[in-house]
N, C-alpha and C. Protein backbone atom coordinates (compact mmCIF):
# COMPACT_ATOMS: atom_id res chain seq x y z
N UNK A 1 104.62 115.62 82.68
CA UNK A 1 104.97 116.38 83.87
C UNK A 1 104.30 115.76 85.09
N UNK A 2 105.05 115.62 86.16
CA UNK A 2 104.51 115.03 87.38
C UNK A 2 103.52 115.98 88.05
N UNK A 3 102.51 115.40 88.68
CA UNK A 3 101.56 116.20 89.44
C UNK A 3 102.25 116.72 90.69
N UNK A 4 101.77 117.86 91.15
CA UNK A 4 102.29 118.44 92.38
C UNK A 4 101.21 118.43 93.45
N UNK A 5 101.64 118.45 94.68
CA UNK A 5 100.71 118.59 95.80
C UNK A 5 101.38 119.45 96.86
N UNK A 6 100.58 120.02 97.75
CA UNK A 6 101.10 120.90 98.79
C UNK A 6 101.08 120.19 100.13
N UNK A 7 102.07 120.49 100.94
CA UNK A 7 102.16 119.93 102.28
C UNK A 7 102.40 121.07 103.26
N UNK A 8 101.57 121.11 104.29
CA UNK A 8 101.81 122.02 105.40
C UNK A 8 102.35 121.18 106.54
N UNK A 9 103.49 121.58 107.05
CA UNK A 9 104.04 120.91 108.23
C UNK A 9 103.83 121.84 109.40
N UNK A 10 103.28 121.30 110.47
CA UNK A 10 103.10 122.13 111.65
C UNK A 10 103.39 121.34 112.91
N UNK A 11 103.70 122.09 113.94
CA UNK A 11 103.98 121.50 115.26
C UNK A 11 102.83 121.89 116.16
N UNK A 12 102.18 120.88 116.71
CA UNK A 12 101.06 121.15 117.60
C UNK A 12 100.91 119.99 118.57
N UNK A 13 100.85 120.30 119.84
CA UNK A 13 100.68 119.27 120.87
C UNK A 13 99.24 119.30 121.34
N UNK A 14 98.53 118.21 121.09
CA UNK A 14 97.10 118.16 121.42
C UNK A 14 96.82 117.07 122.44
N UNK A 15 95.92 117.38 123.36
CA UNK A 15 95.46 116.38 124.31
C UNK A 15 94.63 115.33 123.56
N UNK A 16 93.81 115.81 122.60
CA UNK A 16 92.97 114.92 121.79
C UNK A 16 93.38 115.07 120.32
N UNK A 17 94.23 114.14 119.81
CA UNK A 17 94.71 114.28 118.43
C UNK A 17 93.62 114.20 117.37
N UNK A 18 92.42 113.72 117.71
CA UNK A 18 91.34 113.64 116.73
C UNK A 18 90.78 115.02 116.39
N UNK A 19 91.08 116.02 117.21
CA UNK A 19 90.60 117.38 116.93
C UNK A 19 91.18 117.93 115.62
N UNK A 20 92.45 117.70 115.41
CA UNK A 20 93.13 118.30 114.26
C UNK A 20 92.56 117.82 112.92
N UNK A 21 92.44 116.50 112.70
CA UNK A 21 91.86 116.07 111.43
C UNK A 21 90.46 116.63 111.19
N UNK A 22 89.63 116.67 112.23
CA UNK A 22 88.27 117.19 112.07
C UNK A 22 88.31 118.64 111.59
N UNK A 23 89.20 119.44 112.17
CA UNK A 23 89.29 120.85 111.77
C UNK A 23 89.84 121.00 110.35
N UNK A 24 90.86 120.23 110.03
CA UNK A 24 91.53 120.42 108.75
C UNK A 24 90.79 119.83 107.56
N UNK A 25 90.05 118.76 107.75
CA UNK A 25 89.26 118.22 106.64
C UNK A 25 88.18 119.22 106.24
N UNK A 26 87.69 120.00 107.21
CA UNK A 26 86.73 121.06 106.88
C UNK A 26 87.37 122.14 106.02
N UNK A 27 88.68 122.27 106.11
CA UNK A 27 89.42 123.26 105.32
C UNK A 27 89.87 122.71 103.97
N UNK A 28 89.46 121.48 103.65
CA UNK A 28 89.74 120.92 102.33
C UNK A 28 91.01 120.11 102.20
N UNK A 29 91.60 119.70 103.33
CA UNK A 29 92.81 118.88 103.20
C UNK A 29 92.43 117.49 102.69
N UNK A 30 93.38 116.83 102.05
CA UNK A 30 93.14 115.51 101.47
C UNK A 30 93.76 114.38 102.25
N UNK A 31 94.58 114.71 103.23
CA UNK A 31 95.21 113.67 104.05
C UNK A 31 96.03 114.29 105.15
N UNK A 32 96.23 113.51 106.21
CA UNK A 32 96.98 113.97 107.37
C UNK A 32 97.88 112.85 107.83
N UNK A 33 99.11 113.20 108.15
CA UNK A 33 100.06 112.22 108.68
C UNK A 33 100.60 112.75 110.00
N UNK A 34 100.44 111.97 111.05
CA UNK A 34 100.98 112.35 112.36
C UNK A 34 102.38 111.78 112.49
N UNK A 35 103.34 112.65 112.72
CA UNK A 35 104.73 112.24 112.90
C UNK A 35 105.03 112.26 114.41
N UNK A 36 106.24 111.96 114.78
CA UNK A 36 106.59 111.99 116.20
C UNK A 36 106.83 113.42 116.67
N UNK A 37 106.73 113.62 117.97
CA UNK A 37 107.03 114.92 118.57
C UNK A 37 106.02 116.00 118.28
N UNK A 38 104.76 115.62 118.00
CA UNK A 38 103.72 116.62 117.75
C UNK A 38 103.80 117.27 116.38
N UNK A 39 104.56 116.68 115.46
CA UNK A 39 104.66 117.21 114.09
C UNK A 39 103.60 116.53 113.23
N UNK A 40 102.92 117.34 112.43
CA UNK A 40 101.86 116.85 111.54
C UNK A 40 102.16 117.31 110.12
N UNK A 41 101.87 116.45 109.15
CA UNK A 41 101.93 116.82 107.73
C UNK A 41 100.50 116.82 107.21
N UNK A 42 100.09 117.94 106.62
CA UNK A 42 98.74 118.11 106.10
C UNK A 42 98.86 118.21 104.58
N UNK A 43 98.15 117.33 103.85
CA UNK A 43 98.30 117.23 102.40
C UNK A 43 97.10 117.83 101.68
N UNK A 44 97.40 118.58 100.62
CA UNK A 44 96.39 119.20 99.77
C UNK A 44 96.72 118.90 98.31
N UNK A 45 95.71 118.50 97.53
CA UNK A 45 95.93 118.24 96.10
C UNK A 45 96.12 119.52 95.32
N UNK A 46 95.43 120.58 95.73
CA UNK A 46 95.49 121.84 95.00
C UNK A 46 96.50 122.78 95.65
N UNK A 47 96.90 123.78 94.88
CA UNK A 47 97.80 124.81 95.41
C UNK A 47 97.10 125.55 96.54
N UNK A 48 97.90 126.02 97.47
CA UNK A 48 97.36 126.75 98.61
C UNK A 48 97.71 128.22 98.43
N UNK A 49 96.67 129.04 98.29
CA UNK A 49 96.89 130.48 98.17
C UNK A 49 96.82 131.11 99.57
N UNK A 50 97.05 132.42 99.64
CA UNK A 50 97.08 133.09 100.94
C UNK A 50 95.73 133.03 101.65
N UNK A 51 94.64 133.05 100.88
CA UNK A 51 93.30 132.97 101.48
C UNK A 51 93.08 131.61 102.15
N UNK A 52 93.49 130.54 101.46
CA UNK A 52 93.37 129.18 102.01
C UNK A 52 94.25 129.04 103.26
N UNK A 53 95.46 129.59 103.19
CA UNK A 53 96.38 129.52 104.33
C UNK A 53 95.80 130.25 105.54
N UNK A 54 95.16 131.40 105.29
CA UNK A 54 94.53 132.14 106.38
C UNK A 54 93.39 131.33 106.98
N UNK A 55 92.61 130.64 106.13
CA UNK A 55 91.52 129.80 106.63
C UNK A 55 92.04 128.68 107.53
N UNK A 56 93.16 128.10 107.15
CA UNK A 56 93.77 127.04 107.96
C UNK A 56 94.26 127.62 109.28
N UNK A 57 94.92 128.77 109.19
CA UNK A 57 95.42 129.43 110.40
C UNK A 57 94.25 129.75 111.33
N UNK A 58 93.17 130.30 110.78
CA UNK A 58 92.00 130.65 111.60
C UNK A 58 91.37 129.41 112.23
N UNK A 59 91.37 128.30 111.49
CA UNK A 59 90.82 127.05 112.05
C UNK A 59 91.65 126.56 113.23
N UNK A 60 92.95 126.78 113.16
CA UNK A 60 93.85 126.33 114.23
C UNK A 60 93.95 127.32 115.38
N UNK A 61 93.54 128.56 115.15
CA UNK A 61 93.69 129.62 116.15
C UNK A 61 93.07 129.28 117.51
N UNK A 62 91.89 128.62 117.57
CA UNK A 62 91.34 128.27 118.89
C UNK A 62 92.26 127.37 119.71
N UNK A 63 93.21 126.74 119.07
CA UNK A 63 94.14 125.86 119.78
C UNK A 63 95.42 126.60 120.13
N UNK A 64 95.36 127.94 120.24
CA UNK A 64 96.58 128.74 120.32
C UNK A 64 97.54 128.32 121.43
N UNK A 65 97.06 127.73 122.49
CA UNK A 65 98.00 127.30 123.54
C UNK A 65 98.83 126.11 123.06
N UNK A 66 98.29 125.32 122.12
CA UNK A 66 99.00 124.14 121.62
C UNK A 66 99.67 124.39 120.28
N UNK A 67 99.28 125.47 119.60
CA UNK A 67 99.71 125.72 118.22
C UNK A 67 100.70 126.87 118.16
N UNK A 68 101.84 126.63 117.57
CA UNK A 68 102.86 127.66 117.39
C UNK A 68 102.92 128.01 115.91
N UNK A 69 102.33 129.16 115.50
CA UNK A 69 102.28 129.52 114.08
C UNK A 69 103.66 129.63 113.43
N UNK A 70 104.69 129.95 114.23
CA UNK A 70 106.03 130.08 113.65
C UNK A 70 106.58 128.74 113.19
N UNK A 71 105.95 127.64 113.65
CA UNK A 71 106.40 126.29 113.27
C UNK A 71 105.61 125.75 112.07
N UNK A 72 104.83 126.60 111.42
CA UNK A 72 104.01 126.18 110.28
C UNK A 72 104.79 126.43 108.99
N UNK A 73 105.00 125.38 108.18
CA UNK A 73 105.77 125.51 106.95
C UNK A 73 104.98 124.91 105.77
N UNK A 74 105.08 125.57 104.64
CA UNK A 74 104.38 125.13 103.43
C UNK A 74 105.41 124.71 102.39
N UNK A 75 105.19 123.57 101.76
CA UNK A 75 106.07 123.14 100.68
C UNK A 75 105.24 122.54 99.55
N UNK A 76 105.79 122.59 98.35
CA UNK A 76 105.17 121.98 97.17
C UNK A 76 106.05 120.80 96.79
N UNK A 77 105.42 119.64 96.60
CA UNK A 77 106.18 118.42 96.29
C UNK A 77 105.69 117.80 94.99
N UNK A 78 106.57 117.01 94.38
CA UNK A 78 106.24 116.27 93.17
C UNK A 78 105.66 114.91 93.58
N UNK A 79 104.57 114.52 92.91
CA UNK A 79 104.02 113.20 93.17
C UNK A 79 105.01 112.16 92.64
N UNK A 80 105.35 111.21 93.47
CA UNK A 80 106.31 110.17 93.10
C UNK A 80 105.57 108.87 92.76
N UNK A 81 106.13 108.11 91.89
CA UNK A 81 105.58 106.79 91.59
C UNK A 81 106.33 105.78 92.45
N UNK A 82 105.95 105.73 93.72
CA UNK A 82 106.62 104.83 94.66
C UNK A 82 106.39 103.38 94.28
N UNK A 83 105.32 103.15 93.54
CA UNK A 83 104.98 101.78 93.16
C UNK A 83 106.11 101.10 92.41
N UNK A 84 106.70 101.81 91.46
CA UNK A 84 107.76 101.17 90.67
C UNK A 84 108.96 100.80 91.53
N UNK A 85 109.15 101.50 92.64
CA UNK A 85 110.26 101.20 93.53
C UNK A 85 110.05 99.90 94.31
N UNK A 86 108.86 99.72 94.86
CA UNK A 86 108.65 98.52 95.67
C UNK A 86 108.06 97.36 94.88
N UNK A 87 107.67 97.63 93.65
CA UNK A 87 107.08 96.60 92.79
C UNK A 87 108.00 95.39 92.66
N UNK A 88 109.30 95.66 92.70
CA UNK A 88 110.28 94.58 92.58
C UNK A 88 110.13 93.54 93.68
N UNK A 89 109.65 93.97 94.84
CA UNK A 89 109.53 93.07 95.99
C UNK A 89 108.11 92.54 96.20
N UNK A 90 107.19 92.88 95.30
CA UNK A 90 105.80 92.44 95.43
C UNK A 90 105.68 91.05 94.82
N UNK A 91 105.69 90.03 95.66
CA UNK A 91 105.65 88.63 95.22
C UNK A 91 104.31 88.02 95.61
N UNK A 92 103.94 86.86 95.04
CA UNK A 92 102.68 86.23 95.41
C UNK A 92 102.56 86.03 96.92
N UNK A 93 101.36 86.24 97.42
CA UNK A 93 101.08 86.17 98.85
C UNK A 93 99.87 85.27 99.07
N UNK A 94 99.99 84.32 100.01
CA UNK A 94 98.86 83.44 100.32
C UNK A 94 98.23 83.89 101.63
N UNK A 95 96.90 83.99 101.62
CA UNK A 95 96.15 84.42 102.80
C UNK A 95 95.08 83.38 103.09
N UNK A 96 94.94 83.05 104.34
CA UNK A 96 93.90 82.13 104.82
C UNK A 96 93.99 80.76 104.15
N UNK A 97 95.19 80.38 103.77
CA UNK A 97 95.42 79.03 103.25
C UNK A 97 95.04 78.77 101.81
N UNK A 98 94.04 79.49 101.28
CA UNK A 98 93.55 79.15 99.93
C UNK A 98 93.42 80.33 98.99
N UNK A 99 93.80 81.52 99.43
CA UNK A 99 93.64 82.69 98.58
C UNK A 99 95.02 83.26 98.26
N UNK A 100 95.31 83.37 96.98
CA UNK A 100 96.59 83.91 96.52
C UNK A 100 96.38 85.28 95.91
N UNK A 101 97.25 86.21 96.27
CA UNK A 101 97.29 87.52 95.62
C UNK A 101 98.59 87.56 94.83
N UNK A 102 98.44 87.72 93.53
CA UNK A 102 99.59 87.63 92.64
C UNK A 102 99.63 88.86 91.74
N UNK A 103 100.79 89.50 91.62
CA UNK A 103 100.89 90.61 90.67
C UNK A 103 100.93 90.05 89.25
N UNK A 104 100.51 90.81 88.25
CA UNK A 104 100.45 90.29 86.88
C UNK A 104 101.81 89.93 86.29
N UNK A 105 102.88 90.43 86.85
CA UNK A 105 104.20 90.12 86.31
C UNK A 105 104.80 88.84 86.89
N UNK A 106 104.07 88.17 87.79
CA UNK A 106 104.52 86.89 88.37
C UNK A 106 103.69 85.75 87.80
N UNK A 107 104.23 84.53 87.85
CA UNK A 107 103.47 83.35 87.42
C UNK A 107 102.38 83.07 88.44
N UNK A 108 101.23 82.54 87.98
CA UNK A 108 100.17 82.17 88.93
C UNK A 108 100.71 81.20 89.98
N UNK A 109 100.28 81.41 91.22
CA UNK A 109 100.78 80.60 92.34
C UNK A 109 99.75 79.60 92.85
N UNK A 110 98.48 79.78 92.45
CA UNK A 110 97.43 78.95 93.02
C UNK A 110 97.43 77.54 92.43
N UNK A 111 96.85 76.64 93.24
CA UNK A 111 96.66 75.25 92.82
C UNK A 111 95.15 75.03 92.65
N UNK A 112 94.73 73.93 92.05
CA UNK A 112 93.29 73.67 91.92
C UNK A 112 92.60 73.75 93.29
N UNK A 113 91.44 74.40 93.32
CA UNK A 113 90.69 74.56 94.56
C UNK A 113 91.06 75.81 95.33
N UNK A 114 92.08 76.53 94.87
CA UNK A 114 92.47 77.78 95.52
C UNK A 114 91.99 78.96 94.66
N UNK A 115 91.95 80.13 95.26
CA UNK A 115 91.49 81.33 94.57
C UNK A 115 92.70 82.22 94.28
N UNK A 116 92.79 82.67 93.04
CA UNK A 116 93.89 83.56 92.63
C UNK A 116 93.33 84.93 92.31
N UNK A 117 93.84 85.95 92.97
CA UNK A 117 93.48 87.34 92.68
C UNK A 117 94.70 87.98 92.02
N UNK A 118 94.57 88.38 90.78
CA UNK A 118 95.67 89.06 90.10
C UNK A 118 95.49 90.55 90.34
N UNK A 119 96.41 91.13 91.08
CA UNK A 119 96.27 92.53 91.47
C UNK A 119 97.47 93.34 90.98
N UNK A 120 97.15 94.33 90.15
CA UNK A 120 98.12 95.31 89.68
C UNK A 120 97.83 96.57 90.49
N UNK A 121 98.55 96.80 91.60
CA UNK A 121 98.15 97.84 92.54
C UNK A 121 98.30 99.27 92.06
N UNK A 122 99.20 99.52 91.16
CA UNK A 122 99.46 100.89 90.70
C UNK A 122 99.59 101.81 91.92
N UNK A 123 98.84 102.93 91.93
CA UNK A 123 98.96 103.86 93.06
C UNK A 123 97.78 103.74 94.03
N UNK A 124 96.97 102.70 93.93
CA UNK A 124 95.81 102.55 94.81
C UNK A 124 96.12 101.61 95.97
N UNK A 125 95.36 101.77 97.05
CA UNK A 125 95.52 100.93 98.23
C UNK A 125 94.91 99.56 97.94
N UNK A 126 95.57 98.52 98.38
CA UNK A 126 94.98 97.19 98.27
C UNK A 126 95.86 96.17 97.60
N UNK A 127 97.03 95.91 98.16
CA UNK A 127 97.91 94.88 97.61
C UNK A 127 97.72 93.56 98.33
N UNK A 128 97.05 93.60 99.48
CA UNK A 128 96.90 92.40 100.29
C UNK A 128 97.97 92.28 101.35
N UNK A 129 98.96 93.13 101.32
CA UNK A 129 100.05 93.05 102.30
C UNK A 129 99.74 93.80 103.59
N UNK A 130 98.74 94.65 103.60
CA UNK A 130 98.39 95.39 104.81
C UNK A 130 97.47 94.53 105.68
N UNK A 131 97.65 94.61 106.99
CA UNK A 131 96.89 93.78 107.93
C UNK A 131 95.38 93.96 107.78
N UNK A 132 94.93 95.19 107.52
CA UNK A 132 93.48 95.40 107.40
C UNK A 132 92.91 94.65 106.20
N UNK A 133 93.63 94.67 105.08
CA UNK A 133 93.16 93.95 103.90
C UNK A 133 93.18 92.45 104.15
N UNK A 134 94.20 91.95 104.80
CA UNK A 134 94.29 90.52 105.11
C UNK A 134 93.14 90.08 106.02
N UNK A 135 92.81 90.89 107.02
CA UNK A 135 91.69 90.54 107.91
C UNK A 135 90.37 90.52 107.14
N UNK A 136 90.18 91.49 106.25
CA UNK A 136 88.96 91.51 105.44
C UNK A 136 88.89 90.29 104.53
N UNK A 137 90.00 89.90 103.95
CA UNK A 137 90.03 88.72 103.08
C UNK A 137 89.67 87.48 103.88
N UNK A 138 90.22 87.35 105.09
CA UNK A 138 89.90 86.20 105.94
C UNK A 138 88.42 86.17 106.30
N UNK A 139 87.85 87.33 106.66
CA UNK A 139 86.43 87.39 107.02
C UNK A 139 85.55 87.08 105.81
N UNK A 140 85.90 87.64 104.67
CA UNK A 140 85.11 87.37 103.47
C UNK A 140 85.18 85.90 103.09
N UNK A 141 86.34 85.30 103.23
CA UNK A 141 86.51 83.88 102.90
C UNK A 141 85.58 83.02 103.76
N UNK A 142 85.37 83.44 104.99
CA UNK A 142 84.51 82.69 105.90
C UNK A 142 83.02 82.97 105.68
N UNK A 143 82.67 84.22 105.33
CA UNK A 143 81.26 84.60 105.39
C UNK A 143 80.58 84.90 104.05
N UNK A 144 81.30 85.25 103.00
CA UNK A 144 80.64 85.53 101.72
C UNK A 144 80.26 84.21 101.07
N UNK A 145 78.96 84.13 100.68
CA UNK A 145 78.43 82.89 100.11
C UNK A 145 77.90 83.14 98.70
N UNK A 146 77.66 82.06 97.97
CA UNK A 146 77.04 82.15 96.65
C UNK A 146 75.75 82.95 96.76
N UNK A 147 75.57 83.88 95.84
CA UNK A 147 74.34 84.64 95.79
C UNK A 147 74.33 85.90 96.64
N UNK A 148 75.35 86.12 97.45
CA UNK A 148 75.40 87.33 98.28
C UNK A 148 75.54 88.57 97.42
N UNK A 149 75.16 89.71 98.00
CA UNK A 149 75.42 91.01 97.39
C UNK A 149 76.44 91.71 98.27
N UNK A 150 77.45 92.32 97.65
CA UNK A 150 78.56 92.90 98.41
C UNK A 150 78.79 94.34 97.98
N UNK A 151 79.01 95.21 98.96
CA UNK A 151 79.36 96.61 98.74
C UNK A 151 80.79 96.82 99.23
N UNK A 152 81.66 97.32 98.36
CA UNK A 152 83.06 97.60 98.71
C UNK A 152 83.25 99.11 98.72
N UNK A 153 83.15 99.71 99.91
CA UNK A 153 83.29 101.16 100.07
C UNK A 153 84.76 101.52 100.22
N UNK A 154 85.25 102.38 99.35
CA UNK A 154 86.67 102.70 99.35
C UNK A 154 87.45 101.55 98.75
N UNK A 155 87.09 101.20 97.51
CA UNK A 155 87.55 99.94 96.90
C UNK A 155 89.04 99.89 96.59
N UNK A 156 89.71 101.04 96.49
CA UNK A 156 91.15 101.02 96.21
C UNK A 156 91.44 100.25 94.93
N UNK A 157 92.26 99.22 95.03
CA UNK A 157 92.65 98.41 93.86
C UNK A 157 91.53 97.49 93.38
N UNK A 158 90.45 97.37 94.17
CA UNK A 158 89.36 96.47 93.82
C UNK A 158 89.53 95.06 94.35
N UNK A 159 90.55 94.84 95.16
CA UNK A 159 90.89 93.50 95.62
C UNK A 159 89.73 92.80 96.33
N UNK A 160 88.99 93.52 97.19
CA UNK A 160 87.91 92.87 97.94
C UNK A 160 86.69 92.63 97.05
N UNK A 161 86.41 93.54 96.13
CA UNK A 161 85.30 93.34 95.20
C UNK A 161 85.57 92.12 94.31
N UNK A 162 86.80 91.99 93.85
CA UNK A 162 87.18 90.85 93.01
C UNK A 162 87.05 89.56 93.80
N UNK A 163 87.52 89.56 95.04
CA UNK A 163 87.39 88.37 95.88
C UNK A 163 85.92 88.02 96.08
N UNK A 164 85.08 89.03 96.31
CA UNK A 164 83.65 88.77 96.51
C UNK A 164 83.06 88.03 95.31
N UNK A 165 83.38 88.49 94.10
CA UNK A 165 82.87 87.79 92.91
C UNK A 165 83.41 86.38 92.83
N UNK A 166 84.69 86.20 93.11
CA UNK A 166 85.29 84.86 93.02
C UNK A 166 84.76 83.92 94.10
N UNK A 167 84.22 84.49 95.18
CA UNK A 167 83.61 83.67 96.23
C UNK A 167 82.14 83.36 95.93
N UNK A 168 81.62 83.92 94.84
CA UNK A 168 80.26 83.58 94.42
C UNK A 168 79.22 84.66 94.59
N UNK A 169 79.62 85.87 94.99
CA UNK A 169 78.64 86.96 95.12
C UNK A 169 77.98 87.20 93.76
N UNK A 170 76.66 87.40 93.77
CA UNK A 170 75.94 87.59 92.51
C UNK A 170 75.96 89.03 92.05
N UNK A 171 76.23 89.94 92.98
CA UNK A 171 76.21 91.36 92.66
C UNK A 171 77.23 92.06 93.55
N UNK A 172 78.16 92.79 92.94
CA UNK A 172 79.20 93.49 93.70
C UNK A 172 79.25 94.93 93.22
N UNK A 173 79.22 95.86 94.17
CA UNK A 173 79.31 97.28 93.85
C UNK A 173 80.49 97.86 94.62
N UNK A 174 81.42 98.50 93.92
CA UNK A 174 82.57 99.14 94.57
C UNK A 174 82.65 100.60 94.19
N UNK A 175 83.08 101.43 95.14
CA UNK A 175 83.28 102.84 94.84
C UNK A 175 84.45 103.40 95.64
N UNK A 176 84.96 104.53 95.17
CA UNK A 176 86.08 105.20 95.83
C UNK A 176 86.02 106.67 95.46
N UNK A 177 86.60 107.52 96.28
CA UNK A 177 86.63 108.96 95.96
C UNK A 177 87.83 109.33 95.10
N UNK A 178 88.79 108.43 94.99
CA UNK A 178 90.00 108.70 94.19
C UNK A 178 89.83 108.18 92.76
N UNK A 179 89.99 109.06 91.79
CA UNK A 179 89.86 108.68 90.38
C UNK A 179 90.85 107.58 90.01
N UNK A 180 92.09 107.70 90.52
CA UNK A 180 93.11 106.69 90.22
C UNK A 180 92.69 105.32 90.73
N UNK A 181 92.06 105.29 91.91
CA UNK A 181 91.62 104.02 92.49
C UNK A 181 90.52 103.40 91.64
N UNK A 182 89.57 104.20 91.18
CA UNK A 182 88.48 103.69 90.36
C UNK A 182 89.03 103.08 89.06
N UNK A 183 89.96 103.80 88.43
CA UNK A 183 90.57 103.27 87.20
C UNK A 183 91.34 101.99 87.47
N UNK A 184 92.05 101.94 88.59
CA UNK A 184 92.82 100.75 88.97
C UNK A 184 91.89 99.58 89.26
N UNK A 185 90.79 99.83 89.97
CA UNK A 185 89.83 98.77 90.28
C UNK A 185 89.22 98.20 88.99
N UNK A 186 88.89 99.08 88.04
CA UNK A 186 88.35 98.61 86.75
C UNK A 186 89.37 97.73 86.02
N UNK A 187 90.61 98.19 86.00
CA UNK A 187 91.68 97.44 85.35
C UNK A 187 91.83 96.05 85.99
N UNK A 188 91.87 96.01 87.31
CA UNK A 188 92.02 94.72 88.00
C UNK A 188 90.81 93.82 87.80
N UNK A 189 89.64 94.42 87.74
CA UNK A 189 88.43 93.65 87.46
C UNK A 189 88.52 92.98 86.09
N UNK A 190 89.04 93.72 85.11
CA UNK A 190 89.19 93.18 83.75
C UNK A 190 90.22 92.06 83.70
N UNK A 191 91.38 92.25 84.34
CA UNK A 191 92.41 91.20 84.25
C UNK A 191 92.02 89.95 85.04
N UNK A 192 91.04 90.09 85.95
CA UNK A 192 90.52 88.92 86.68
C UNK A 192 89.27 88.36 86.02
N UNK A 193 88.90 88.94 84.85
CA UNK A 193 87.74 88.49 84.08
C UNK A 193 86.45 88.51 84.91
N UNK A 194 86.30 89.57 85.70
CA UNK A 194 85.09 89.73 86.52
C UNK A 194 83.98 90.35 85.68
N UNK A 195 82.75 89.93 85.92
CA UNK A 195 81.62 90.45 85.15
C UNK A 195 80.49 90.96 86.05
N UNK A 196 80.60 90.79 87.36
CA UNK A 196 79.50 91.16 88.25
C UNK A 196 79.81 92.40 89.08
N UNK A 197 80.96 93.01 88.86
CA UNK A 197 81.35 94.19 89.64
C UNK A 197 80.90 95.45 88.92
N UNK A 198 80.26 96.32 89.66
CA UNK A 198 79.81 97.61 89.12
C UNK A 198 80.48 98.72 89.88
């Protein structure tokens, strides 16, 4: 059976959009997506009962000039495995000239002297296709040296921790708040034959 999650959709026009996430994370939300036209999607892993809904409403009440309670909608959704849909288009990617990110279902793309990261992304962040990951890979390629110690906070798929070990780091520690990400990072560490990642 697929996991379910709850989404609250609300319409709110804020002068400072950073106010909303600060208020809602205190109410236990797990993610926020800002859409166009002042529409926000607020994600919760657990079911939302009337008490939780009242807490969210009370948190938003100080913004009453910007918040229209009649535009607040709650829905329950099925978790989708979007990965299997886009997996078909996930092909080897070269970053910074010498680092290849290859999914396990593709043939290795690297040549001698290049670094190959085999990444099975599953549902965790870190395929190498996002600009932030690419920038981190470029910076690590330039600055991580043999014997360094590296901390990967919010490790996702483990891509940066794996790269750190392959660049010669003697000690790598990665962590994440998502159980799925931790399991995915361990799996990727194993398929890359890493031994220094904790």
